[in-house]
Amino acid sequence: MIAAANDILVTPDHSAALAQGIRGSRLTQVMSGHNAPTEQPMAVSNHLRGLLNG
């Protein structure tokens, strides 16, 4: 999972709770608000690439 560190709609605490409920998940934070893919596209794509490349 990718959580936005400055998200006020879905707070990092909510993301952490969700990740804990998903077996095998990993939680990563990016420094952005709610729209992380638009605000930090390189950070989000780097995390996704790392996941897909193992």
PDB file of N, CA and C in Angstrom:
ATOM      1  N   MET A   1       0.828  -1.171   0.000  1.00  0.00           N
ATOM      2  CA  MET A   1       0.000   0.000   0.000  1.00  0.00           C
ATOM      3  C   MET A   1       0.875   1.237   0.000  1.00  0.00           C
ATOM      4  N   ILE A   2       0.370   2.270  -0.617  1.00  0.00           N
ATOM      5  CA  ILE A   2       1.047   3.556  -0.601  1.00  0.00           C
ATOM      6  C   ILE A   2       0.135   4.540   0.126  1.00  0.00           C
ATOM      7  N   ALA A   3       0.651   5.112   1.192  1.00  0.00           N
ATOM      8  CA  ALA A   3      -0.108   6.081   1.977  1.00  0.00           C
ATOM      9  C   ALA A   3       0.478   7.469   1.760  1.00  0.00           C
ATOM     10  N   ALA A   4      -0.390   8.455   1.741  1.00  0.00           N
ATOM     11  CA  ALA A   4       0.044   9.844   1.622  1.00  0.00           C
ATOM     12  C   ALA A   4       0.230  10.415   3.030  1.00  0.00           C
ATOM     13  N   ALA A   5       1.433  10.854   3.327  1.00  0.00           N
ATOM     14  CA  ALA A   5       1.779  11.299   4.681  1.00  0.00           C
ATOM     15  C   ALA A   5       0.965  12.503   5.147  1.00  0.00           C
ATOM     16  N   ASN A   6       0.524  13.339   4.217  1.00  0.00           N
ATOM     17  CA  ASN A   6      -0.215  14.547   4.592  1.00  0.00           C
ATOM     18  C   ASN A   6      -1.684  14.494   4.198  1.00  0.00           C
ATOM     19  N   ASP A   7      -2.199  13.297   4.015  1.00  0.00           N
ATOM     20  CA  ASP A   7      -3.594  13.117   3.618  1.00  0.00           C
ATOM     21  C   ASP A   7      -4.504  13.392   4.809  1.00  0.00           C
ATOM     22  N   ILE A   8      -5.453  14.305   4.643  1.00  0.00           N
ATOM     23  CA  ILE A   8      -6.388  14.593   5.732  1.00  0.00           C
ATOM     24  C   ILE A   8      -7.712  13.851   5.550  1.00  0.00           C
ATOM     25  N   LEU A   9      -7.916  13.242   4.379  1.00  0.00           N
ATOM     26  CA  LEU A   9      -9.132  12.464   4.140  1.00  0.00           C
ATOM     27  C   LEU A   9      -8.963  11.013   4.571  1.00  0.00           C
ATOM     28  N   VAL A  10      -7.863  10.412   4.167  1.00  0.00           N
ATOM     29  CA  VAL A  10      -7.512   9.057   4.592  1.00  0.00           C
ATOM     30  C   VAL A  10      -6.158   9.188   5.289  1.00  0.00           C
ATOM     31  N   THR A  11      -6.204   9.316   6.586  1.00  0.00           N
ATOM     32  CA  THR A  11      -4.995   9.616   7.351  1.00  0.00           C
ATOM     33  C   THR A  11      -4.017   8.438   7.339  1.00  0.00           C
ATOM     34  N   PRO A  12      -2.741   8.710   7.580  1.00  0.00           N
ATOM     35  CA  PRO A  12      -1.764   7.623   7.647  1.00  0.00           C
ATOM     36  C   PRO A  12      -2.150   6.542   8.663  1.00  0.00           C
ATOM     37  N   ASP A  13      -2.810   6.929   9.750  1.00  0.00           N
ATOM     38  CA  ASP A  13      -3.264   5.923  10.724  1.00  0.00           C
ATOM     39  C   ASP A  13      -4.290   4.983  10.108  1.00  0.00           C
ATOM     40  N   HIS A  14      -5.181   5.524   9.296  1.00  0.00           N
ATOM     41  CA  HIS A  14      -6.175   4.677   8.623  1.00  0.00           C
ATOM     42  C   HIS A  14      -5.496   3.736   7.631  1.00  0.00           C
ATOM     43  N   SER A  15      -4.516   4.253   6.909  1.00  0.00           N
ATOM     44  CA  SER A  15      -3.786   3.411   5.959  1.00  0.00           C
ATOM     45  C   SER A  15      -3.036   2.298   6.677  1.00  0.00           C
ATOM     46  N   ALA A  16      -2.447   2.621   7.813  1.00  0.00           N
ATOM     47  CA  ALA A  16      -1.723   1.608   8.591  1.00  0.00           C
ATOM     48  C   ALA A  16      -2.677   0.526   9.084  1.00  0.00           C
ATOM     49  N   ALA A  17      -3.852   0.919   9.546  1.00  0.00           N
ATOM     50  CA  ALA A  17      -4.837  -0.061  10.020  1.00  0.00           C
ATOM     51  C   ALA A  17      -5.287  -0.958   8.868  1.00  0.00           C
ATOM     52  N   LEU A  18      -5.494  -0.384   7.696  1.00  0.00           N
ATOM     53  CA  LEU A  18      -5.890  -1.173   6.535  1.00  0.00           C
ATOM     54  C   LEU A  18      -4.790  -2.156   6.152  1.00  0.00           C
ATOM     55  N   ALA A  19      -3.552  -1.686   6.130  1.00  0.00           N
ATOM     56  CA  ALA A  19      -2.428  -2.558   5.782  1.00  0.00           C
ATOM     57  C   ALA A  19      -2.297  -3.717   6.764  1.00  0.00           C
ATOM     58  N   GLN A  20      -2.539  -3.458   8.028  1.00  0.00           N
ATOM     59  CA  GLN A  20      -2.457  -4.529   9.024  1.00  0.00           C
ATOM     60  C   GLN A  20      -3.511  -5.597   8.787  1.00  0.00           C
ATOM     61  N   GLY A  21      -4.623  -5.209   8.179  1.00  0.00           N
ATOM     62  CA  GLY A  21      -5.705  -6.149   7.920  1.00  0.00           C
ATOM     63  C   GLY A  21      -5.547  -6.934   6.632  1.00  0.00           C
ATOM     64  N   ILE A  22      -4.539  -6.605   5.839  1.00  0.00           N
ATOM     65  CA  ILE A  22      -4.310  -7.296   4.568  1.00  0.00           C
ATOM     66  C   ILE A  22      -3.046  -8.137   4.702  1.00  0.00           C
ATOM     67  N   ARG A  23      -3.221  -9.428   4.742  1.00  0.00           N
ATOM     68  CA  ARG A  23      -2.097 -10.337   4.917  1.00  0.00           C
ATOM     69  C   ARG A  23      -1.057 -10.147   3.816  1.00  0.00           C
ATOM     70  N   GLY A  24       0.189 -10.011   4.195  1.00  0.00           N
ATOM     71  CA  GLY A  24       1.280  -9.882   3.243  1.00  0.00           C
ATOM     72  C   GLY A  24       1.466  -8.488   2.666  1.00  0.00           C
ATOM     73  N   SER A  25       0.674  -7.540   3.117  1.00  0.00           N
ATOM     74  CA  SER A  25       0.814  -6.189   2.559  1.00  0.00           C
ATOM     75  C   SER A  25       2.029  -5.479   3.145  1.00  0.00           C
ATOM     76  N   ARG A  26       2.490  -4.490   2.407  1.00  0.00           N
ATOM     77  CA  ARG A  26       3.565  -3.613   2.870  1.00  0.00           C
ATOM     78  C   ARG A  26       3.073  -2.189   2.721  1.00  0.00           C
ATOM     79  N   LEU A  27       3.385  -1.357   3.690  1.00  0.00           N
ATOM     80  CA  LEU A  27       2.938   0.034   3.685  1.00  0.00           C
ATOM     81  C   LEU A  27       4.128   0.948   3.448  1.00  0.00           C
ATOM     82  N   THR A  28       3.975   1.839   2.492  1.00  0.00           N
ATOM     83  CA  THR A  28       4.969   2.842   2.177  1.00  0.00           C
ATOM     84  C   THR A  28       4.291   4.197   2.186  1.00  0.00           C
ATOM     85  N   GLN A  29       4.983   5.217   2.667  1.00  0.00           N
ATOM     86  CA  GLN A  29       4.418   6.564   2.661  1.00  0.00           C
ATOM     87  C   GLN A  29       5.153   7.451   1.676  1.00  0.00           C
ATOM     88  N   VAL A  30       4.393   8.320   1.031  1.00  0.00           N
ATOM     89  CA  VAL A  30       4.969   9.361   0.195  1.00  0.00           C
ATOM     90  C   VAL A  30       4.555  10.706   0.785  1.00  0.00           C
ATOM     91  N   MET A  31       5.378  11.710   0.576  1.00  0.00           N
ATOM     92  CA  MET A  31       5.106  13.041   1.112  1.00  0.00           C
ATOM     93  C   MET A  31       4.163  13.779   0.173  1.00  0.00           C
ATOM     94  N   SER A  32       2.867  13.598   0.411  1.00  0.00           N
ATOM     95  CA  SER A  32       1.862  14.254  -0.415  1.00  0.00           C
ATOM     96  C   SER A  32       0.562  14.334   0.346  1.00  0.00           C
ATOM     97  N   GLY A  33      -0.401  14.977  -0.286  1.00  0.00           N
ATOM     98  CA  GLY A  33      -1.755  15.013   0.233  1.00  0.00           C
ATOM     99  C   GLY A  33      -2.535  13.829  -0.330  1.00  0.00           C
ATOM    100  N   HIS A  34      -3.854  13.984  -0.419  1.00  0.00           N
ATOM    101  CA  HIS A  34      -4.740  12.884  -0.788  1.00  0.00           C
ATOM    102  C   HIS A  34      -4.487  12.340  -2.195  1.00  0.00           C
ATOM    103  N   ASN A  35      -4.037  13.168  -3.111  1.00  0.00           N
ATOM    104  CA  ASN A  35      -3.872  12.737  -4.497  1.00  0.00           C
ATOM    105  C   ASN A  35      -2.405  12.421  -4.806  1.00  0.00           C
ATOM    106  N   ALA A  36      -1.875  11.439  -4.133  1.00  0.00           N
ATOM    107  CA  ALA A  36      -0.448  11.106  -4.244  1.00  0.00           C
ATOM    108  C   ALA A  36       0.020  10.848  -5.675  1.00  0.00           C
ATOM    109  N   PRO A  37      -0.710  10.114  -6.517  1.00  0.00           N
ATOM    110  CA  PRO A  37      -0.208   9.873  -7.869  1.00  0.00           C
ATOM    111  C   PRO A  37      -0.011  11.152  -8.690  1.00  0.00           C
ATOM    112  N   THR A  38      -0.816  12.166  -8.423  1.00  0.00           N
ATOM    113  CA  THR A  38      -0.674  13.434  -9.135  1.00  0.00           C
ATOM    114  C   THR A  38       0.362  14.331  -8.478  1.00  0.00           C
ATOM    115  N   GLU A  39       0.393  14.338  -7.143  1.00  0.00           N
ATOM    116  CA  GLU A  39       1.299  15.217  -6.410  1.00  0.00           C
ATOM    117  C   GLU A  39       2.740  14.711  -6.400  1.00  0.00           C
ATOM    118  N   GLN A  40       2.915  13.416  -6.357  1.00  0.00           N
ATOM    119  CA  GLN A  40       4.254  12.805  -6.307  1.00  0.00           C
ATOM    120  C   GLN A  40       4.328  11.623  -7.274  1.00  0.00           C
ATOM    121  N   PRO A  41       4.163  11.870  -8.576  1.00  0.00           N
ATOM    122  CA  PRO A  41       4.107  10.746  -9.530  1.00  0.00           C
ATOM    123  C   PRO A  41       5.370   9.892  -9.560  1.00  0.00           C
ATOM    124  N   MET A  42       6.531  10.496  -9.417  1.00  0.00           N
ATOM    125  CA  MET A  42       7.762   9.704  -9.459  1.00  0.00           C
ATOM    126  C   MET A  42       7.883   8.804  -8.225  1.00  0.00           C
ATOM    127  N   ALA A  43       7.544   9.318  -7.061  1.00  0.00           N
ATOM    128  CA  ALA A  43       7.624   8.513  -5.839  1.00  0.00           C
ATOM    129  C   ALA A  43       6.665   7.334  -5.917  1.00  0.00           C
ATOM    130  N   VAL A  44       5.439   7.586  -6.372  1.00  0.00           N
ATOM    131  CA  VAL A  44       4.450   6.511  -6.481  1.00  0.00           C
ATOM    132  C   VAL A  44       4.900   5.489  -7.524  1.00  0.00           C
ATOM    133  N   SER A  45       5.344   5.959  -8.692  1.00  0.00           N
ATOM    134  CA  SER A  45       5.759   5.012  -9.735  1.00  0.00           C
ATOM    135  C   SER A  45       6.999   4.221  -9.317  1.00  0.00           C
ATOM    136  N   ASN A  46       7.910   4.833  -8.584  1.00  0.00           N
ATOM    137  CA  ASN A  46       9.091   4.096  -8.090  1.00  0.00           C
ATOM    138  C   ASN A  46       8.684   2.992  -7.139  1.00  0.00           C
ATOM    139  N   HIS A  47       7.735   3.265  -6.258  1.00  0.00           N
ATOM    140  CA  HIS A  47       7.265   2.226  -5.325  1.00  0.00           C
ATOM    141  C   HIS A  47       6.565   1.098  -6.088  1.00  0.00           C
ATOM    142  N   LEU A  48       5.757   1.447  -7.071  1.00  0.00           N
ATOM    143  CA  LEU A  48       5.063   0.429  -7.854  1.00  0.00           C
ATOM    144  C   LEU A  48       6.044  -0.410  -8.678  1.00  0.00           C
ATOM    145  N   ARG A  49       7.041   0.240  -9.268  1.00  0.00           N
ATOM    146  CA  ARG A  49       8.054  -0.485 -10.020  1.00  0.00           C
ATOM    147  C   ARG A  49       8.812  -1.458  -9.120  1.00  0.00           C
ATOM    148  N   GLY A  50       9.144  -0.994  -7.914  1.00  0.00           N
ATOM    149  CA  GLY A  50       9.839  -1.867  -6.974  1.00  0.00           C
ATOM    150  C   GLY A  50       9.014  -3.077  -6.607  1.00  0.00           C
ATOM    151  N   LEU A  51       7.725  -2.886  -6.451  1.00  0.00           N
ATOM    152  CA  LEU A  51       6.834  -3.996  -6.128  1.00  0.00           C
ATOM    153  C   LEU A  51       6.751  -4.980  -7.303  1.00  0.00           C
ATOM    154  N   LEU A  52       6.602  -4.455  -8.502  1.00  0.00           N
ATOM    155  CA  LEU A  52       6.466  -5.322  -9.665  1.00  0.00           C
ATOM    156  C   LEU A  52       7.760  -6.025 -10.030  1.00  0.00           C
ATOM    157  N   ASN A  53       8.884  -5.394  -9.748  1.00  0.00           N
ATOM    158  CA  ASN A  53      10.177  -6.001 -10.072  1.00  0.00           C
ATOM    159  C   ASN A  53      10.702  -6.924  -8.973  1.00  0.00           C
ATOM    160  N   GLY A  54       9.979  -6.959  -7.871  1.00  0.00           N
ATOM    161  CA  GLY A  54      10.358  -7.848  -6.781  1.00  0.00           C
ATOM    162  C   GLY A  54      11.383  -7.241  -5.916  1.00  0.00           C
TER     163      GLY A  54
END
